N, C-alpha and C. Protein backbone atom coordinates (compact mmCIF):
# COMPACT_ATOMS: atom_id res chain seq x y z
N UNK A 1 -37.32 151.18 -108.49
CA UNK A 1 -36.93 151.52 -109.84
C UNK A 1 -36.48 152.97 -109.86
N UNK A 2 -35.46 153.21 -110.62
CA UNK A 2 -34.92 154.55 -110.81
C UNK A 2 -34.81 154.76 -112.31
N UNK A 3 -35.31 155.91 -112.80
CA UNK A 3 -35.34 156.14 -114.24
C UNK A 3 -34.89 157.56 -114.55
N UNK A 4 -34.00 157.67 -115.55
CA UNK A 4 -33.56 158.95 -116.08
C UNK A 4 -33.81 158.94 -117.58
N UNK A 5 -34.45 159.99 -118.10
CA UNK A 5 -34.69 160.06 -119.53
C UNK A 5 -34.31 161.44 -120.07
N UNK A 6 -33.99 161.46 -121.35
CA UNK A 6 -33.72 162.71 -122.05
C UNK A 6 -34.34 162.59 -123.44
N UNK A 7 -34.96 163.68 -123.89
CA UNK A 7 -35.51 163.71 -125.25
C UNK A 7 -34.74 164.70 -126.12
N UNK A 8 -33.56 165.07 -125.68
CA UNK A 8 -32.73 166.01 -126.41
C UNK A 8 -32.14 165.33 -127.64
N UNK A 9 -32.58 165.75 -128.83
CA UNK A 9 -32.05 165.21 -130.07
C UNK A 9 -32.40 163.74 -130.29
N UNK A 10 -33.47 163.27 -129.72
CA UNK A 10 -33.86 161.86 -129.79
C UNK A 10 -34.30 161.42 -128.40
N UNK A 11 -34.14 160.16 -128.13
CA UNK A 11 -34.58 159.63 -126.84
C UNK A 11 -33.46 158.80 -126.23
N UNK A 12 -33.18 159.05 -124.94
CA UNK A 12 -32.20 158.26 -124.20
C UNK A 12 -32.77 157.94 -122.83
N UNK A 13 -32.45 156.75 -122.35
CA UNK A 13 -33.00 156.26 -121.10
C UNK A 13 -31.95 155.49 -120.32
N UNK A 14 -31.92 155.71 -119.02
CA UNK A 14 -31.16 154.88 -118.09
C UNK A 14 -32.14 154.47 -117.01
N UNK A 15 -32.23 153.17 -116.74
CA UNK A 15 -33.18 152.67 -115.76
C UNK A 15 -32.48 151.61 -114.90
N UNK A 16 -32.76 151.62 -113.61
CA UNK A 16 -32.19 150.64 -112.68
C UNK A 16 -33.33 149.99 -111.91
N UNK A 17 -33.37 148.67 -111.95
CA UNK A 17 -34.34 147.90 -111.18
C UNK A 17 -33.60 147.11 -110.10
N UNK A 18 -34.22 146.99 -108.93
CA UNK A 18 -33.71 146.10 -107.88
C UNK A 18 -34.80 145.06 -107.64
N UNK A 19 -34.41 143.79 -107.70
CA UNK A 19 -35.36 142.69 -107.64
C UNK A 19 -34.95 141.67 -106.59
N UNK A 20 -35.90 140.94 -106.01
CA UNK A 20 -35.53 139.82 -105.15
C UNK A 20 -34.81 138.76 -105.98
N UNK A 21 -33.86 138.08 -105.38
CA UNK A 21 -33.08 137.07 -106.11
C UNK A 21 -32.83 135.87 -105.22
N UNK A 22 -33.13 134.70 -105.74
CA UNK A 22 -32.80 133.44 -105.08
C UNK A 22 -31.39 133.08 -105.52
N UNK A 23 -30.41 133.05 -104.60
CA UNK A 23 -29.03 132.75 -105.00
C UNK A 23 -28.87 131.41 -105.70
N UNK A 24 -29.86 130.52 -105.58
CA UNK A 24 -29.80 129.23 -106.28
C UNK A 24 -30.28 129.34 -107.72
N UNK A 25 -30.83 130.49 -108.11
CA UNK A 25 -31.27 130.71 -109.48
C UNK A 25 -30.17 131.39 -110.27
N UNK A 26 -30.25 131.25 -111.57
CA UNK A 26 -29.28 131.92 -112.44
C UNK A 26 -29.82 133.30 -112.84
N UNK A 27 -28.95 134.14 -113.32
CA UNK A 27 -29.38 135.44 -113.83
C UNK A 27 -30.26 135.28 -115.07
N UNK A 28 -30.11 134.17 -115.75
CA UNK A 28 -30.90 133.93 -116.96
C UNK A 28 -32.40 133.94 -116.64
N UNK A 29 -32.78 133.51 -115.45
CA UNK A 29 -34.21 133.52 -115.09
C UNK A 29 -34.73 134.96 -115.05
N UNK A 30 -33.91 135.90 -114.61
CA UNK A 30 -34.32 137.31 -114.61
C UNK A 30 -34.41 137.85 -116.03
N UNK A 31 -33.44 137.50 -116.86
CA UNK A 31 -33.47 138.00 -118.24
C UNK A 31 -34.64 137.40 -119.01
N UNK A 32 -34.97 136.14 -118.74
CA UNK A 32 -36.10 135.51 -119.42
C UNK A 32 -37.42 136.15 -119.00
N UNK A 33 -37.55 136.48 -117.71
CA UNK A 33 -38.76 137.16 -117.24
C UNK A 33 -38.90 138.53 -117.88
N UNK A 34 -37.80 139.26 -117.95
CA UNK A 34 -37.81 140.58 -118.57
C UNK A 34 -38.15 140.46 -120.05
N UNK A 35 -37.60 139.44 -120.69
CA UNK A 35 -37.84 139.25 -122.12
C UNK A 35 -39.33 138.98 -122.39
N UNK A 36 -39.97 138.15 -121.57
CA UNK A 36 -41.40 137.88 -121.75
C UNK A 36 -42.21 139.17 -121.58
N UNK A 37 -41.90 139.95 -120.54
CA UNK A 37 -42.60 141.21 -120.28
C UNK A 37 -42.42 142.18 -121.44
N UNK A 38 -41.18 142.34 -121.89
CA UNK A 38 -40.88 143.29 -122.95
C UNK A 38 -41.47 142.87 -124.29
N UNK A 39 -41.50 141.58 -124.57
CA UNK A 39 -42.08 141.08 -125.82
C UNK A 39 -43.56 141.46 -125.90
N UNK A 40 -44.24 141.42 -124.76
CA UNK A 40 -45.66 141.81 -124.74
C UNK A 40 -45.83 143.31 -125.02
N UNK A 41 -44.78 144.10 -124.82
CA UNK A 41 -44.82 145.54 -125.07
C UNK A 41 -44.30 145.90 -126.45
N UNK A 42 -44.02 144.89 -127.29
CA UNK A 42 -43.62 145.16 -128.66
C UNK A 42 -42.13 145.13 -128.92
N UNK A 43 -41.32 144.80 -127.93
CA UNK A 43 -39.87 144.71 -128.12
C UNK A 43 -39.53 143.36 -128.73
N UNK A 44 -38.42 143.28 -129.43
CA UNK A 44 -38.00 142.04 -130.05
C UNK A 44 -36.51 142.01 -130.32
N UNK A 45 -36.09 141.03 -131.12
CA UNK A 45 -34.69 140.85 -131.50
C UNK A 45 -33.79 140.68 -130.28
N UNK A 46 -34.22 139.87 -129.32
CA UNK A 46 -33.47 139.67 -128.08
C UNK A 46 -32.22 138.83 -128.33
N UNK A 47 -31.10 139.31 -127.83
CA UNK A 47 -29.84 138.57 -127.87
C UNK A 47 -29.24 138.66 -126.48
N UNK A 48 -28.99 137.49 -125.87
CA UNK A 48 -28.46 137.43 -124.50
C UNK A 48 -27.07 136.83 -124.55
N UNK A 49 -26.14 137.46 -123.81
CA UNK A 49 -24.77 136.95 -123.74
C UNK A 49 -24.21 137.19 -122.34
N UNK A 50 -23.10 136.56 -122.05
CA UNK A 50 -22.46 136.73 -120.75
C UNK A 50 -21.64 138.00 -120.75
N UNK A 51 -21.53 138.60 -119.57
CA UNK A 51 -20.78 139.85 -119.42
C UNK A 51 -20.20 139.88 -118.00
N UNK A 52 -19.52 140.96 -117.69
CA UNK A 52 -18.98 141.19 -116.35
C UNK A 52 -19.25 142.63 -115.98
N UNK A 53 -19.69 142.83 -114.75
CA UNK A 53 -19.86 144.18 -114.19
C UNK A 53 -18.93 144.24 -112.99
N UNK A 54 -17.91 145.08 -113.06
CA UNK A 54 -16.88 145.06 -112.01
C UNK A 54 -16.22 143.70 -112.03
N UNK A 55 -16.32 142.97 -110.93
CA UNK A 55 -15.77 141.61 -110.87
C UNK A 55 -16.88 140.57 -110.86
N UNK A 56 -18.11 140.99 -111.02
CA UNK A 56 -19.26 140.10 -110.92
C UNK A 56 -19.71 139.60 -112.30
N UNK A 57 -20.05 138.30 -112.36
CA UNK A 57 -20.63 137.81 -113.61
C UNK A 57 -21.98 138.48 -113.84
N UNK A 58 -22.29 138.74 -115.08
CA UNK A 58 -23.53 139.42 -115.43
C UNK A 58 -24.05 138.84 -116.74
N UNK A 59 -25.28 139.16 -117.04
CA UNK A 59 -25.84 138.85 -118.36
C UNK A 59 -26.13 140.16 -119.07
N UNK A 60 -25.94 140.15 -120.36
CA UNK A 60 -26.20 141.30 -121.21
C UNK A 60 -27.32 140.91 -122.16
N UNK A 61 -28.36 141.74 -122.24
CA UNK A 61 -29.47 141.47 -123.15
C UNK A 61 -29.68 142.69 -124.04
N UNK A 62 -29.51 142.50 -125.33
CA UNK A 62 -29.78 143.55 -126.32
C UNK A 62 -31.12 143.27 -126.96
N UNK A 63 -31.88 144.33 -127.28
CA UNK A 63 -33.18 144.20 -127.92
C UNK A 63 -33.58 145.55 -128.48
N UNK A 64 -34.66 145.59 -129.22
CA UNK A 64 -35.09 146.87 -129.79
C UNK A 64 -36.59 146.90 -130.02
N UNK A 65 -37.06 148.10 -130.41
CA UNK A 65 -38.48 148.29 -130.70
C UNK A 65 -38.61 149.41 -131.73
N UNK A 66 -39.25 149.12 -132.87
CA UNK A 66 -39.50 150.18 -133.85
C UNK A 66 -40.49 151.20 -133.27
N UNK A 67 -40.22 152.47 -133.52
CA UNK A 67 -41.09 153.56 -133.07
C UNK A 67 -41.20 154.58 -134.18
N UNK A 68 -42.13 155.50 -134.05
CA UNK A 68 -42.30 156.55 -135.06
C UNK A 68 -41.02 157.37 -135.23
N UNK A 69 -40.29 157.59 -134.13
CA UNK A 69 -39.06 158.41 -134.15
C UNK A 69 -37.85 157.62 -134.63
N UNK A 70 -37.99 156.33 -134.88
CA UNK A 70 -36.88 155.46 -135.25
C UNK A 70 -36.84 154.26 -134.33
N UNK A 71 -35.81 153.48 -134.45
CA UNK A 71 -35.69 152.28 -133.63
C UNK A 71 -35.14 152.65 -132.25
N UNK A 72 -35.82 152.16 -131.21
CA UNK A 72 -35.32 152.29 -129.85
C UNK A 72 -34.46 151.07 -129.58
N UNK A 73 -33.14 151.26 -129.51
CA UNK A 73 -32.20 150.18 -129.25
C UNK A 73 -31.92 150.15 -127.75
N UNK A 74 -31.97 148.95 -127.17
CA UNK A 74 -31.85 148.81 -125.72
C UNK A 74 -30.79 147.79 -125.35
N UNK A 75 -30.22 148.00 -124.18
CA UNK A 75 -29.23 147.09 -123.62
C UNK A 75 -29.47 147.04 -122.12
N UNK A 76 -29.72 145.83 -121.61
CA UNK A 76 -29.88 145.62 -120.17
C UNK A 76 -28.79 144.71 -119.65
N UNK A 77 -28.27 145.04 -118.49
CA UNK A 77 -27.30 144.22 -117.78
C UNK A 77 -27.99 143.68 -116.53
N UNK A 78 -27.81 142.39 -116.25
CA UNK A 78 -28.36 141.76 -115.06
C UNK A 78 -27.20 141.28 -114.20
N UNK A 79 -27.22 141.64 -112.92
CA UNK A 79 -26.17 141.25 -112.00
C UNK A 79 -26.82 141.01 -110.63
N UNK A 80 -26.24 140.11 -109.83
CA UNK A 80 -26.84 139.78 -108.53
C UNK A 80 -25.79 139.83 -107.43
N UNK A 81 -26.29 140.11 -106.24
CA UNK A 81 -25.47 140.09 -105.03
C UNK A 81 -26.36 139.55 -103.92
N UNK A 82 -26.06 138.33 -103.46
CA UNK A 82 -26.86 137.75 -102.39
C UNK A 82 -28.30 137.55 -102.81
N UNK A 83 -29.22 138.12 -102.05
CA UNK A 83 -30.65 137.93 -102.31
C UNK A 83 -31.25 139.06 -103.14
N UNK A 84 -30.40 139.88 -103.75
CA UNK A 84 -30.89 140.97 -104.61
C UNK A 84 -30.26 140.86 -106.00
N UNK A 85 -31.06 141.15 -107.00
CA UNK A 85 -30.58 141.23 -108.38
C UNK A 85 -30.86 142.64 -108.87
N UNK A 86 -30.06 143.08 -109.81
CA UNK A 86 -30.21 144.42 -110.38
C UNK A 86 -30.25 144.30 -111.89
N UNK A 87 -31.09 145.12 -112.50
CA UNK A 87 -31.12 145.26 -113.95
C UNK A 87 -30.77 146.71 -114.24
N UNK A 88 -29.70 146.91 -114.96
CA UNK A 88 -29.24 148.23 -115.37
C UNK A 88 -29.54 148.32 -116.86
N UNK A 89 -30.48 149.20 -117.24
CA UNK A 89 -30.92 149.25 -118.62
C UNK A 89 -30.66 150.59 -119.29
N UNK A 90 -30.32 150.51 -120.55
CA UNK A 90 -30.09 151.70 -121.38
C UNK A 90 -30.95 151.58 -122.62
N UNK A 91 -31.44 152.69 -123.10
CA UNK A 91 -32.18 152.73 -124.35
C UNK A 91 -31.89 154.02 -125.08
N UNK A 92 -31.90 153.95 -126.42
CA UNK A 92 -31.60 155.15 -127.20
C UNK A 92 -32.17 155.05 -128.61
N UNK A 93 -32.52 156.19 -129.17
CA UNK A 93 -32.85 156.28 -130.59
C UNK A 93 -31.68 156.89 -131.35
N UNK A 94 -30.54 157.07 -130.68
CA UNK A 94 -29.35 157.67 -131.29
C UNK A 94 -28.51 156.65 -132.05
N UNK A 95 -28.93 155.41 -132.14
CA UNK A 95 -28.17 154.39 -132.85
C UNK A 95 -27.23 153.64 -131.92
N UNK A 96 -26.69 152.56 -132.44
CA UNK A 96 -25.86 151.67 -131.63
C UNK A 96 -24.51 152.27 -131.25
N UNK A 97 -24.13 153.38 -131.85
CA UNK A 97 -22.84 154.01 -131.55
C UNK A 97 -22.70 154.43 -130.10
N UNK A 98 -23.80 154.73 -129.43
CA UNK A 98 -23.70 155.16 -128.03
C UNK A 98 -23.54 153.99 -127.08
N UNK A 99 -23.66 152.75 -127.58
CA UNK A 99 -23.51 151.59 -126.70
C UNK A 99 -22.11 151.49 -126.10
N UNK A 100 -21.12 152.03 -126.79
CA UNK A 100 -19.76 152.04 -126.23
C UNK A 100 -19.75 152.87 -124.94
N UNK A 101 -20.42 154.01 -124.94
CA UNK A 101 -20.54 154.83 -123.73
C UNK A 101 -21.32 154.07 -122.66
N UNK A 102 -22.43 153.43 -123.04
CA UNK A 102 -23.22 152.68 -122.08
C UNK A 102 -22.40 151.55 -121.45
N UNK A 103 -21.56 150.92 -122.24
CA UNK A 103 -20.69 149.85 -121.74
C UNK A 103 -19.74 150.39 -120.68
N UNK A 104 -19.16 151.54 -120.95
CA UNK A 104 -18.25 152.15 -119.96
C UNK A 104 -18.99 152.50 -118.68
N UNK A 105 -20.21 153.02 -118.80
CA UNK A 105 -21.01 153.35 -117.61
C UNK A 105 -21.34 152.07 -116.84
N UNK A 106 -21.78 151.04 -117.53
CA UNK A 106 -22.16 149.79 -116.87
C UNK A 106 -20.99 149.18 -116.11
N UNK A 107 -19.80 149.27 -116.66
CA UNK A 107 -18.62 148.70 -116.01
C UNK A 107 -18.31 149.38 -114.68
N UNK A 108 -18.83 150.60 -114.48
CA UNK A 108 -18.58 151.31 -113.21
C UNK A 108 -19.67 151.04 -112.18
N UNK A 109 -20.75 150.32 -112.57
CA UNK A 109 -21.84 150.02 -111.65
C UNK A 109 -21.31 149.17 -110.52
N UNK A 110 -21.56 149.60 -109.30
CA UNK A 110 -21.03 148.91 -108.12
C UNK A 110 -22.16 148.67 -107.12
N UNK A 111 -22.22 147.45 -106.62
CA UNK A 111 -23.19 147.11 -105.59
C UNK A 111 -22.50 147.26 -104.25
N UNK A 112 -22.95 148.22 -103.47
CA UNK A 112 -22.33 148.47 -102.17
C UNK A 112 -22.94 147.54 -101.13
N UNK A 113 -22.14 147.11 -100.15
CA UNK A 113 -22.69 146.25 -99.10
C UNK A 113 -23.79 146.99 -98.35
N UNK A 114 -24.81 146.24 -97.95
CA UNK A 114 -25.88 146.85 -97.16
C UNK A 114 -25.36 147.13 -95.77
N UNK A 115 -25.69 148.31 -95.26
CA UNK A 115 -25.24 148.67 -93.92
C UNK A 115 -26.30 148.24 -92.91
N UNK A 116 -25.85 147.85 -91.76
CA UNK A 116 -26.79 147.49 -90.68
C UNK A 116 -27.31 148.77 -90.06
N UNK A 117 -28.63 148.90 -90.01
CA UNK A 117 -29.21 150.13 -89.43
C UNK A 117 -29.99 149.81 -88.19
């Protein structure tokens, strides 16, 4: 897991997870697992749709969580390559207007081939 956060003028988060992936499973199984985990932490209003990251099919999951500082709005992208899946997540209390920027960032996410070492 890799996490970047900022509390400047609110809260912003970028998080990347790398997970084992069975190529016979769909990305929806990863989003459903994340949804169950996040629901236990107080997140809700989950909406899942299809997306594309680069040339790869992906799933997009939007959700949020009320907080003292305002609503934390989140967007996670799920994409897989072979036996690995990735979740690229964004969160913000700056409102949904920053999702356009997050979309542009997500579209540049690239899975590089593993090198033989």
